[in-house]
Amino acid sequence: MAILKVARMGHPVLREKCEPIDPEKITGPEVQRLIRDMFETMVEYNGVGLAAPQVHQAVRLVIAGGEVDEQGRTQFRVLINPVITVLDNDDRLGMYEGCLSVPGMRGWVERPASVRIEALNEKGEKLDFTLEGFPAVVIQHECDHLDGVLYVDRIEDTTKFAYEEEAERYLDIAGEDLEDEDPGD
């Protein structure tokens, strides 16, 4: 296993529409090595998800977390050739997103709060499930990478795009500007 170099915003691989992975090759050594290396890279950089183009591979593969099991551990899913269907576009969830490919920055993005995902897993088995809340946001963020979309493309209010340090200091995690609050509260 290896920790891979992460492509940063500006690298052309992050703007490519990725190619599907042949289902017959999923259990082969090349794809399995990529999955292991991506997982190790994601863990090394404290990510909750990683898409193949972020490690210079223009294929439709993501690892995404966000779901927590009964023991409080984050669960990760390998999704190959994922297709996302928005379940209710009016029910939206906003949060400050970050990205390993846009290091040191955070931006306010609103996304659908519930989605259905159809994909293949690391064994080539069909998956079909729904997610809500934070895990749904993580999946959408990672799958955007497969179409050459970065979270910065989805920021509507650029006053809510900042370096992490300033975002932590001046912007509330819920998205409210701290400077708007009464300091006596």
N, C-alpha and C. Protein backbone atom coordinates (compact mmCIF):
# COMPACT_ATOMS: atom_id res chain seq x y z
N MET A 1 0.84 -1.18 0.00
CA MET A 1 0.00 0.00 0.00
C MET A 1 0.88 1.24 0.00
N ALA A 2 0.31 2.34 -0.50
CA ALA A 2 1.09 3.57 -0.61
C ALA A 2 0.19 4.78 -0.39
N ILE A 3 0.80 5.82 0.13
CA ILE A 3 0.11 7.10 0.23
C ILE A 3 0.37 7.82 -1.10
N LEU A 4 -0.71 8.21 -1.76
CA LEU A 4 -0.62 8.81 -3.08
C LEU A 4 -0.59 10.33 -3.02
N LYS A 5 -0.02 10.95 -4.03
CA LYS A 5 -0.01 12.40 -4.14
C LYS A 5 -1.42 12.87 -4.48
N VAL A 6 -1.87 13.90 -3.78
CA VAL A 6 -3.21 14.44 -3.99
C VAL A 6 -3.14 15.62 -4.97
N ALA A 7 -3.93 15.55 -6.02
CA ALA A 7 -4.01 16.64 -7.00
C ALA A 7 -4.70 17.83 -6.35
N ARG A 8 -4.15 19.02 -6.61
CA ARG A 8 -4.74 20.23 -6.05
C ARG A 8 -5.45 21.02 -7.13
N MET A 9 -6.41 21.86 -6.69
CA MET A 9 -7.19 22.69 -7.60
C MET A 9 -6.25 23.39 -8.58
N GLY A 10 -6.59 23.28 -9.85
CA GLY A 10 -5.75 23.81 -10.91
C GLY A 10 -5.18 22.70 -11.77
N HIS A 11 -5.04 21.50 -11.19
CA HIS A 11 -4.55 20.36 -11.98
C HIS A 11 -5.68 19.90 -12.90
N PRO A 12 -5.41 19.70 -14.19
CA PRO A 12 -6.47 19.35 -15.14
C PRO A 12 -7.22 18.05 -14.82
N VAL A 13 -6.61 17.09 -14.13
CA VAL A 13 -7.30 15.84 -13.84
C VAL A 13 -8.56 16.08 -13.00
N LEU A 14 -8.57 17.16 -12.22
CA LEU A 14 -9.73 17.45 -11.37
C LEU A 14 -10.91 18.00 -12.15
N ARG A 15 -10.70 18.34 -13.42
CA ARG A 15 -11.78 18.88 -14.25
C ARG A 15 -12.22 17.91 -15.33
N GLU A 16 -11.67 16.71 -15.30
CA GLU A 16 -12.05 15.69 -16.30
C GLU A 16 -13.33 14.96 -15.89
N LYS A 17 -14.08 14.55 -16.90
CA LYS A 17 -15.19 13.62 -16.65
C LYS A 17 -14.56 12.23 -16.68
N CYS A 18 -14.70 11.52 -15.58
CA CYS A 18 -14.00 10.24 -15.41
C CYS A 18 -14.67 9.10 -16.17
N GLU A 19 -13.85 8.13 -16.53
CA GLU A 19 -14.31 6.95 -17.26
C GLU A 19 -14.81 5.88 -16.29
N PRO A 20 -15.86 5.14 -16.67
CA PRO A 20 -16.31 4.02 -15.83
C PRO A 20 -15.24 2.94 -15.75
N ILE A 21 -15.28 2.18 -14.68
CA ILE A 21 -14.39 1.03 -14.51
C ILE A 21 -15.12 -0.20 -15.02
N ASP A 22 -14.45 -0.98 -15.83
CA ASP A 22 -15.02 -2.23 -16.34
C ASP A 22 -15.33 -3.13 -15.15
N PRO A 23 -16.59 -3.54 -14.96
CA PRO A 23 -16.94 -4.39 -13.81
C PRO A 23 -16.09 -5.66 -13.70
N GLU A 24 -15.64 -6.18 -14.83
CA GLU A 24 -14.82 -7.40 -14.81
C GLU A 24 -13.42 -7.16 -14.24
N LYS A 25 -13.01 -5.89 -14.17
CA LYS A 25 -11.67 -5.57 -13.67
C LYS A 25 -11.67 -5.15 -12.19
N ILE A 26 -12.83 -5.06 -11.59
CA ILE A 26 -12.92 -4.57 -10.21
C ILE A 26 -12.12 -5.43 -9.24
N THR A 27 -12.20 -6.73 -9.38
CA THR A 27 -11.50 -7.62 -8.43
C THR A 27 -10.06 -7.88 -8.84
N GLY A 28 -9.63 -7.28 -9.94
CA GLY A 28 -8.25 -7.45 -10.40
C GLY A 28 -7.27 -6.64 -9.56
N PRO A 29 -5.99 -6.96 -9.67
CA PRO A 29 -4.98 -6.34 -8.81
C PRO A 29 -4.86 -4.83 -8.97
N GLU A 30 -5.04 -4.30 -10.17
CA GLU A 30 -4.87 -2.87 -10.39
C GLU A 30 -5.93 -2.05 -9.64
N VAL A 31 -7.19 -2.43 -9.79
CA VAL A 31 -8.27 -1.70 -9.11
C VAL A 31 -8.20 -1.93 -7.60
N GLN A 32 -7.91 -3.14 -7.18
CA GLN A 32 -7.82 -3.42 -5.74
C GLN A 32 -6.67 -2.63 -5.10
N ARG A 33 -5.56 -2.50 -5.79
CA ARG A 33 -4.43 -1.71 -5.28
C ARG A 33 -4.82 -0.24 -5.18
N LEU A 34 -5.52 0.26 -6.20
CA LEU A 34 -5.97 1.65 -6.18
C LEU A 34 -6.89 1.90 -4.98
N ILE A 35 -7.81 0.99 -4.72
CA ILE A 35 -8.73 1.12 -3.58
C ILE A 35 -7.93 1.18 -2.27
N ARG A 36 -7.01 0.26 -2.08
CA ARG A 36 -6.20 0.24 -0.85
C ARG A 36 -5.37 1.51 -0.70
N ASP A 37 -4.74 1.94 -1.79
CA ASP A 37 -3.91 3.14 -1.74
C ASP A 37 -4.76 4.39 -1.49
N MET A 38 -5.94 4.44 -2.08
CA MET A 38 -6.82 5.59 -1.84
C MET A 38 -7.26 5.63 -0.39
N PHE A 39 -7.60 4.48 0.16
CA PHE A 39 -8.02 4.44 1.56
C PHE A 39 -6.88 4.91 2.47
N GLU A 40 -5.68 4.40 2.22
CA GLU A 40 -4.53 4.80 3.04
C GLU A 40 -4.25 6.30 2.89
N THR A 41 -4.38 6.82 1.69
CA THR A 41 -4.18 8.25 1.45
C THR A 41 -5.23 9.08 2.18
N MET A 42 -6.48 8.67 2.10
CA MET A 42 -7.57 9.39 2.78
C MET A 42 -7.33 9.43 4.28
N VAL A 43 -6.96 8.31 4.86
CA VAL A 43 -6.70 8.24 6.30
C VAL A 43 -5.52 9.12 6.68
N GLU A 44 -4.46 9.07 5.88
CA GLU A 44 -3.26 9.88 6.16
C GLU A 44 -3.58 11.37 6.24
N TYR A 45 -4.49 11.83 5.38
CA TYR A 45 -4.83 13.25 5.32
C TYR A 45 -6.12 13.59 6.06
N ASN A 46 -6.61 12.66 6.89
CA ASN A 46 -7.80 12.88 7.73
C ASN A 46 -9.03 13.27 6.91
N GLY A 47 -9.18 12.66 5.75
CA GLY A 47 -10.36 12.93 4.94
C GLY A 47 -11.52 12.05 5.32
N VAL A 48 -12.72 12.47 4.94
CA VAL A 48 -13.91 11.62 5.11
C VAL A 48 -14.33 11.03 3.78
N GLY A 49 -13.55 11.32 2.75
CA GLY A 49 -13.83 10.76 1.45
C GLY A 49 -12.69 11.10 0.50
N LEU A 50 -12.63 10.37 -0.60
CA LEU A 50 -11.61 10.61 -1.61
C LEU A 50 -12.11 10.03 -2.92
N ALA A 51 -11.90 10.78 -3.99
CA ALA A 51 -12.28 10.33 -5.33
C ALA A 51 -11.02 10.07 -6.14
N ALA A 52 -11.09 9.11 -7.04
CA ALA A 52 -9.92 8.71 -7.83
C ALA A 52 -9.24 9.87 -8.55
N PRO A 53 -9.96 10.83 -9.13
CA PRO A 53 -9.23 11.91 -9.80
C PRO A 53 -8.37 12.74 -8.83
N GLN A 54 -8.69 12.71 -7.55
CA GLN A 54 -7.88 13.43 -6.57
C GLN A 54 -6.50 12.81 -6.42
N VAL A 55 -6.36 11.55 -6.85
CA VAL A 55 -5.05 10.89 -6.83
C VAL A 55 -4.60 10.58 -8.26
N HIS A 56 -5.01 11.47 -9.18
CA HIS A 56 -4.55 11.46 -10.56
C HIS A 56 -5.03 10.26 -11.37
N GLN A 57 -6.17 9.69 -11.01
CA GLN A 57 -6.74 8.56 -11.74
C GLN A 57 -8.15 8.96 -12.21
N ALA A 58 -8.34 9.15 -13.50
CA ALA A 58 -9.61 9.62 -14.04
C ALA A 58 -10.59 8.48 -14.25
N VAL A 59 -10.91 7.78 -13.17
CA VAL A 59 -11.88 6.68 -13.21
C VAL A 59 -12.96 6.93 -12.16
N ARG A 60 -14.11 6.28 -12.35
CA ARG A 60 -15.28 6.52 -11.50
C ARG A 60 -15.23 5.63 -10.25
N LEU A 61 -14.44 6.07 -9.30
CA LEU A 61 -14.23 5.35 -8.04
C LEU A 61 -14.13 6.37 -6.92
N VAL A 62 -14.93 6.16 -5.86
CA VAL A 62 -14.83 7.01 -4.67
C VAL A 62 -14.85 6.15 -3.42
N ILE A 63 -14.24 6.68 -2.38
CA ILE A 63 -14.39 6.14 -1.03
C ILE A 63 -15.03 7.25 -0.23
N ALA A 64 -16.13 6.94 0.45
CA ALA A 64 -16.84 7.99 1.17
C ALA A 64 -17.30 7.48 2.53
N GLY A 65 -17.21 8.36 3.50
CA GLY A 65 -17.63 8.05 4.87
C GLY A 65 -18.76 8.96 5.30
N GLY A 66 -18.82 9.15 6.60
CA GLY A 66 -19.85 10.01 7.16
C GLY A 66 -20.83 9.26 8.03
N GLU A 67 -21.05 7.99 7.73
CA GLU A 67 -21.93 7.18 8.56
C GLU A 67 -21.14 6.66 9.76
N VAL A 68 -21.79 6.62 10.91
CA VAL A 68 -21.14 6.17 12.14
C VAL A 68 -21.86 4.93 12.65
N ASP A 69 -21.07 3.88 13.04
CA ASP A 69 -21.68 2.65 13.55
C ASP A 69 -22.00 2.77 15.04
N GLU A 70 -22.50 1.68 15.63
CA GLU A 70 -22.92 1.67 17.04
C GLU A 70 -21.76 1.94 17.99
N GLN A 71 -20.55 1.64 17.58
CA GLN A 71 -19.36 1.87 18.42
C GLN A 71 -18.77 3.26 18.22
N GLY A 72 -19.42 4.08 17.40
CA GLY A 72 -18.94 5.44 17.16
C GLY A 72 -17.84 5.55 16.11
N ARG A 73 -17.61 4.48 15.36
CA ARG A 73 -16.59 4.49 14.31
C ARG A 73 -17.21 4.89 12.97
N THR A 74 -16.46 5.72 12.23
CA THR A 74 -16.92 6.12 10.90
C THR A 74 -16.81 4.94 9.95
N GLN A 75 -17.87 4.72 9.22
CA GLN A 75 -17.91 3.65 8.22
C GLN A 75 -17.66 4.24 6.84
N PHE A 76 -16.89 3.54 6.03
CA PHE A 76 -16.58 4.00 4.69
C PHE A 76 -17.12 3.02 3.67
N ARG A 77 -17.51 3.55 2.52
CA ARG A 77 -18.00 2.73 1.42
C ARG A 77 -17.13 2.97 0.20
N VAL A 78 -16.86 1.90 -0.51
CA VAL A 78 -16.21 1.99 -1.81
C VAL A 78 -17.33 1.97 -2.84
N LEU A 79 -17.34 2.98 -3.70
CA LEU A 79 -18.37 3.08 -4.73
C LEU A 79 -17.70 3.16 -6.09
N ILE A 80 -18.05 2.22 -6.95
CA ILE A 80 -17.50 2.18 -8.30
C ILE A 80 -18.63 2.43 -9.27
N ASN A 81 -18.39 3.34 -10.20
CA ASN A 81 -19.39 3.74 -11.20
C ASN A 81 -20.71 4.18 -10.54
N PRO A 82 -20.64 5.06 -9.52
CA PRO A 82 -21.86 5.45 -8.81
C PRO A 82 -22.78 6.34 -9.64
N VAL A 83 -24.07 6.16 -9.38
CA VAL A 83 -25.11 7.01 -9.95
C VAL A 83 -25.92 7.53 -8.77
N ILE A 84 -26.06 8.85 -8.69
CA ILE A 84 -26.80 9.47 -7.59
C ILE A 84 -28.11 10.02 -8.12
N THR A 85 -29.18 9.75 -7.37
CA THR A 85 -30.50 10.31 -7.65
C THR A 85 -30.92 11.13 -6.45
N VAL A 86 -31.22 12.39 -6.68
CA VAL A 86 -31.71 13.26 -5.61
C VAL A 86 -33.14 12.86 -5.29
N LEU A 87 -33.43 12.66 -3.99
CA LEU A 87 -34.77 12.24 -3.59
C LEU A 87 -35.72 13.41 -3.37
N ASP A 88 -35.21 14.55 -2.92
CA ASP A 88 -36.04 15.74 -2.71
C ASP A 88 -35.14 16.96 -2.83
N ASN A 89 -35.21 17.62 -3.97
CA ASN A 89 -34.33 18.76 -4.21
C ASN A 89 -34.69 19.98 -3.36
N ASP A 90 -35.90 20.01 -2.81
CA ASP A 90 -36.30 21.14 -1.96
C ASP A 90 -35.77 21.01 -0.55
N ASP A 91 -35.49 19.80 -0.10
CA ASP A 91 -34.94 19.56 1.23
C ASP A 91 -33.43 19.61 1.11
N ARG A 92 -32.83 20.74 1.57
CA ARG A 92 -31.41 20.96 1.37
C ARG A 92 -30.69 21.09 2.71
N LEU A 93 -29.41 20.75 2.68
CA LEU A 93 -28.56 20.83 3.85
C LEU A 93 -27.33 21.63 3.47
N GLY A 94 -27.04 22.66 4.25
CA GLY A 94 -25.87 23.49 3.99
C GLY A 94 -24.82 23.30 5.06
N MET A 95 -23.57 23.35 4.63
CA MET A 95 -22.46 23.27 5.58
C MET A 95 -21.20 23.79 4.92
N TYR A 96 -20.19 24.10 5.76
CA TYR A 96 -18.90 24.49 5.24
C TYR A 96 -18.16 23.23 4.82
N GLU A 97 -17.90 23.13 3.53
CA GLU A 97 -17.18 21.98 3.00
C GLU A 97 -15.71 22.32 2.83
N GLY A 98 -14.90 21.30 2.90
CA GLY A 98 -13.48 21.40 2.62
C GLY A 98 -13.12 20.26 1.68
N CYS A 99 -11.90 20.26 1.20
CA CYS A 99 -11.50 19.25 0.24
C CYS A 99 -9.98 19.09 0.27
N LEU A 100 -9.52 17.87 0.20
CA LEU A 100 -8.08 17.62 0.16
C LEU A 100 -7.43 18.25 -1.07
N SER A 101 -8.20 18.47 -2.12
CA SER A 101 -7.68 19.09 -3.33
C SER A 101 -7.74 20.61 -3.30
N VAL A 102 -8.36 21.16 -2.27
CA VAL A 102 -8.42 22.61 -2.06
C VAL A 102 -7.98 22.84 -0.62
N PRO A 103 -6.70 22.54 -0.33
CA PRO A 103 -6.25 22.54 1.06
C PRO A 103 -6.32 23.91 1.72
N GLY A 104 -6.73 23.88 2.99
CA GLY A 104 -6.73 25.09 3.79
C GLY A 104 -7.90 26.00 3.58
N MET A 105 -8.90 25.58 2.82
CA MET A 105 -10.06 26.43 2.53
C MET A 105 -11.35 25.75 2.97
N ARG A 106 -12.36 26.57 3.24
CA ARG A 106 -13.72 26.10 3.54
C ARG A 106 -14.71 27.00 2.82
N GLY A 107 -15.79 26.40 2.35
CA GLY A 107 -16.83 27.19 1.67
C GLY A 107 -18.20 26.63 1.96
N TRP A 108 -19.17 27.53 2.08
CA TRP A 108 -20.56 27.17 2.38
C TRP A 108 -21.22 26.64 1.11
N VAL A 109 -21.71 25.40 1.18
CA VAL A 109 -22.38 24.76 0.05
C VAL A 109 -23.68 24.14 0.55
N GLU A 110 -24.74 24.33 -0.21
CA GLU A 110 -26.02 23.69 0.10
C GLU A 110 -26.26 22.60 -0.94
N ARG A 111 -26.64 21.42 -0.41
CA ARG A 111 -26.88 20.26 -1.28
C ARG A 111 -28.18 19.57 -0.86
N PRO A 112 -28.73 18.74 -1.74
CA PRO A 112 -29.89 17.95 -1.34
C PRO A 112 -29.56 17.10 -0.11
N ALA A 113 -30.52 17.03 0.82
CA ALA A 113 -30.29 16.33 2.09
C ALA A 113 -30.47 14.83 2.00
N SER A 114 -31.09 14.34 0.92
CA SER A 114 -31.28 12.88 0.80
C SER A 114 -31.09 12.45 -0.65
N VAL A 115 -30.36 11.34 -0.79
CA VAL A 115 -30.05 10.82 -2.12
C VAL A 115 -30.12 9.30 -2.14
N ARG A 116 -30.30 8.79 -3.33
CA ARG A 116 -30.22 7.35 -3.57
C ARG A 116 -28.95 7.11 -4.36
N ILE A 117 -28.23 6.05 -4.00
CA ILE A 117 -26.98 5.72 -4.68
C ILE A 117 -27.06 4.31 -5.24
N GLU A 118 -26.71 4.18 -6.50
CA GLU A 118 -26.56 2.87 -7.13
C GLU A 118 -25.11 2.79 -7.61
N ALA A 119 -24.44 1.71 -7.26
CA ALA A 119 -23.03 1.57 -7.59
C ALA A 119 -22.63 0.10 -7.47
N LEU A 120 -21.36 -0.15 -7.70
CA LEU A 120 -20.76 -1.44 -7.43
C LEU A 120 -19.78 -1.25 -6.28
N ASN A 121 -19.63 -2.27 -5.44
CA ASN A 121 -18.66 -2.18 -4.35
C ASN A 121 -17.31 -2.75 -4.80
N GLU A 122 -16.39 -2.87 -3.85
CA GLU A 122 -15.03 -3.34 -4.15
C GLU A 122 -14.99 -4.80 -4.59
N LYS A 123 -16.10 -5.54 -4.41
CA LYS A 123 -16.17 -6.93 -4.86
C LYS A 123 -16.93 -7.06 -6.17
N GLY A 124 -17.40 -5.92 -6.70
CA GLY A 124 -18.18 -5.93 -7.94
C GLY A 124 -19.65 -6.20 -7.70
N GLU A 125 -20.08 -6.19 -6.44
CA GLU A 125 -21.48 -6.44 -6.09
C GLU A 125 -22.28 -5.15 -6.23
N LYS A 126 -23.55 -5.31 -6.66
CA LYS A 126 -24.43 -4.15 -6.82
C LYS A 126 -24.85 -3.60 -5.46
N LEU A 127 -24.83 -2.27 -5.37
CA LEU A 127 -25.30 -1.56 -4.18
C LEU A 127 -26.46 -0.67 -4.60
N ASP A 128 -27.43 -0.52 -3.72
CA ASP A 128 -28.55 0.38 -3.94
C ASP A 128 -29.03 0.79 -2.55
N PHE A 129 -28.78 2.04 -2.18
CA PHE A 129 -29.11 2.49 -0.83
C PHE A 129 -29.41 3.98 -0.84
N THR A 130 -29.97 4.45 0.26
CA THR A 130 -30.25 5.88 0.41
C THR A 130 -29.46 6.42 1.59
N LEU A 131 -29.15 7.70 1.52
CA LEU A 131 -28.46 8.39 2.60
C LEU A 131 -29.14 9.73 2.84
N GLU A 132 -29.05 10.17 4.09
CA GLU A 132 -29.58 11.48 4.46
C GLU A 132 -28.53 12.22 5.28
N GLY A 133 -28.63 13.53 5.30
CA GLY A 133 -27.77 14.35 6.14
C GLY A 133 -26.32 14.36 5.70
N PHE A 134 -25.42 14.40 6.70
CA PHE A 134 -23.99 14.51 6.42
C PHE A 134 -23.47 13.42 5.48
N PRO A 135 -23.80 12.14 5.68
CA PRO A 135 -23.31 11.12 4.72
C PRO A 135 -23.76 11.39 3.29
N ALA A 136 -24.97 11.94 3.11
CA ALA A 136 -25.45 12.28 1.76
C ALA A 136 -24.62 13.39 1.16
N VAL A 137 -24.24 14.36 1.97
CA VAL A 137 -23.40 15.47 1.50
C VAL A 137 -22.03 14.95 1.09
N VAL A 138 -21.44 14.07 1.91
CA VAL A 138 -20.11 13.52 1.60
C VAL A 138 -20.14 12.78 0.26
N ILE A 139 -21.13 11.94 0.07
CA ILE A 139 -21.24 11.17 -1.19
C ILE A 139 -21.36 12.11 -2.39
N GLN A 140 -22.20 13.14 -2.26
CA GLN A 140 -22.37 14.07 -3.38
C GLN A 140 -21.08 14.82 -3.68
N HIS A 141 -20.39 15.25 -2.63
CA HIS A 141 -19.11 15.95 -2.79
C HIS A 141 -18.12 15.07 -3.55
N GLU A 142 -17.97 13.82 -3.12
CA GLU A 142 -17.01 12.92 -3.76
C GLU A 142 -17.42 12.58 -5.18
N CYS A 143 -18.69 12.33 -5.41
CA CYS A 143 -19.14 11.98 -6.76
C CYS A 143 -19.05 13.17 -7.71
N ASP A 144 -19.15 14.40 -7.19
CA ASP A 144 -18.93 15.57 -8.04
C ASP A 144 -17.55 15.50 -8.70
N HIS A 145 -16.56 15.03 -7.96
CA HIS A 145 -15.20 14.93 -8.51
C HIS A 145 -15.18 14.09 -9.78
N LEU A 146 -16.05 13.11 -9.88
CA LEU A 146 -16.07 12.21 -11.04
C LEU A 146 -16.54 12.90 -12.30
N ASP A 147 -17.19 14.06 -12.11
CA ASP A 147 -17.66 14.84 -13.26
C ASP A 147 -16.88 16.15 -13.41
N GLY A 148 -15.74 16.25 -12.72
CA GLY A 148 -14.90 17.44 -12.85
C GLY A 148 -15.41 18.65 -12.10
N VAL A 149 -16.23 18.42 -11.08
CA VAL A 149 -16.81 19.52 -10.30
C VAL A 149 -16.17 19.55 -8.91
N LEU A 150 -15.74 20.74 -8.50
CA LEU A 150 -15.21 20.95 -7.15
C LEU A 150 -16.26 21.69 -6.32
N TYR A 151 -16.17 21.54 -5.00
CA TYR A 151 -17.16 22.22 -4.15
C TYR A 151 -17.13 23.73 -4.36
N VAL A 152 -15.98 24.28 -4.73
CA VAL A 152 -15.91 25.73 -4.94
C VAL A 152 -16.82 26.17 -6.08
N ASP A 153 -17.13 25.28 -7.01
CA ASP A 153 -18.04 25.59 -8.10
C ASP A 153 -19.48 25.73 -7.61
N ARG A 154 -19.76 25.21 -6.42
CA ARG A 154 -21.13 25.22 -5.88
C ARG A 154 -21.35 26.30 -4.82
N ILE A 155 -20.32 27.07 -4.53
CA ILE A 155 -20.45 28.16 -3.56
C ILE A 155 -21.23 29.30 -4.22
N GLU A 156 -22.37 29.65 -3.62
CA GLU A 156 -23.19 30.73 -4.17
C GLU A 156 -22.85 32.08 -3.56
N ASP A 157 -22.45 32.09 -2.32
CA ASP A 157 -22.12 33.33 -1.60
C ASP A 157 -20.63 33.31 -1.29
N THR A 158 -19.85 34.02 -2.09
CA THR A 158 -18.40 33.98 -1.92
C THR A 158 -17.92 34.64 -0.64
N THR A 159 -18.80 35.34 0.09
CA THR A 159 -18.39 35.86 1.40
C THR A 159 -18.30 34.73 2.41
N LYS A 160 -18.78 33.55 2.03
CA LYS A 160 -18.70 32.37 2.90
C LYS A 160 -17.70 31.36 2.34
N PHE A 161 -16.61 31.88 1.83
CA PHE A 161 -15.49 31.08 1.33
C PHE A 161 -14.24 31.69 1.95
N ALA A 162 -13.54 30.89 2.76
CA ALA A 162 -12.43 31.45 3.53
C ALA A 162 -11.37 30.40 3.81
N TYR A 163 -10.21 30.88 4.21
CA TYR A 163 -9.18 29.98 4.71
C TYR A 163 -9.71 29.35 6.00
N GLU A 164 -9.33 28.10 6.27
CA GLU A 164 -9.82 27.37 7.43
C GLU A 164 -9.64 28.15 8.73
N GLU A 165 -8.48 28.73 8.92
CA GLU A 165 -8.19 29.44 10.16
C GLU A 165 -9.17 30.60 10.37
N GLU A 166 -9.41 31.38 9.32
CA GLU A 166 -10.35 32.49 9.42
C GLU A 166 -11.79 31.99 9.53
N ALA A 167 -12.11 30.91 8.82
CA ALA A 167 -13.45 30.34 8.92
C ALA A 167 -13.75 29.91 10.35
N GLU A 168 -12.77 29.26 10.99
CA GLU A 168 -12.96 28.84 12.38
C GLU A 168 -13.10 30.03 13.32
N ARG A 169 -12.41 31.08 13.00
CA ARG A 169 -12.43 32.26 13.88
C ARG A 169 -13.65 33.14 13.66
N TYR A 170 -14.07 33.33 12.40
CA TYR A 170 -15.12 34.30 12.11
C TYR A 170 -16.44 33.73 11.62
N LEU A 171 -16.45 32.46 11.25
CA LEU A 171 -17.67 31.87 10.70
C LEU A 171 -18.11 30.70 11.56
N ASP A 172 -19.38 30.66 11.90
CA ASP A 172 -19.94 29.58 12.70
C ASP A 172 -20.11 28.32 11.85
N ILE A 173 -19.91 27.17 12.46
CA ILE A 173 -20.04 25.89 11.75
C ILE A 173 -21.44 25.73 11.14
N ALA A 174 -22.44 26.34 11.74
CA ALA A 174 -23.80 26.27 11.22
C ALA A 174 -24.01 27.25 10.06
N GLY A 175 -22.98 28.08 9.80
CA GLY A 175 -23.08 28.97 8.65
C GLY A 175 -23.44 30.40 8.98
N GLU A 176 -23.55 30.73 10.23
CA GLU A 176 -23.86 32.10 10.60
C GLU A 176 -22.57 32.83 10.89
N ASP A 177 -22.46 34.06 10.41
CA ASP A 177 -21.27 34.87 10.69
C ASP A 177 -21.24 35.21 12.16
N LEU A 178 -20.13 34.93 12.83
CA LEU A 178 -19.99 35.23 14.25
C LEU A 178 -20.01 36.72 14.50
N GLU A 179 -19.55 37.51 13.52
CA GLU A 179 -19.54 38.96 13.74
C GLU A 179 -20.94 39.53 13.80
N ASP A 180 -21.96 38.78 13.33
CA ASP A 180 -23.34 39.23 13.40
C ASP A 180 -23.94 39.02 14.79
N GLU A 181 -23.27 38.24 15.62
CA GLU A 181 -23.79 37.93 16.94
C GLU A 181 -23.40 39.02 17.92
N ASP A 182 -24.25 39.24 18.91
CA ASP A 182 -23.97 40.18 19.97
C ASP A 182 -22.89 39.61 20.85
N PRO A 183 -21.72 40.30 20.98
CA PRO A 183 -20.63 39.74 21.78
C PRO A 183 -21.00 39.55 23.26
N GLY A 184 -22.07 40.16 23.69
CA GLY A 184 -22.48 40.00 25.09
C GLY A 184 -23.28 38.75 25.33
N ASP A 185 -23.65 38.03 24.28
CA ASP A 185 -24.44 36.79 24.44
C ASP A 185 -23.64 35.68 25.02
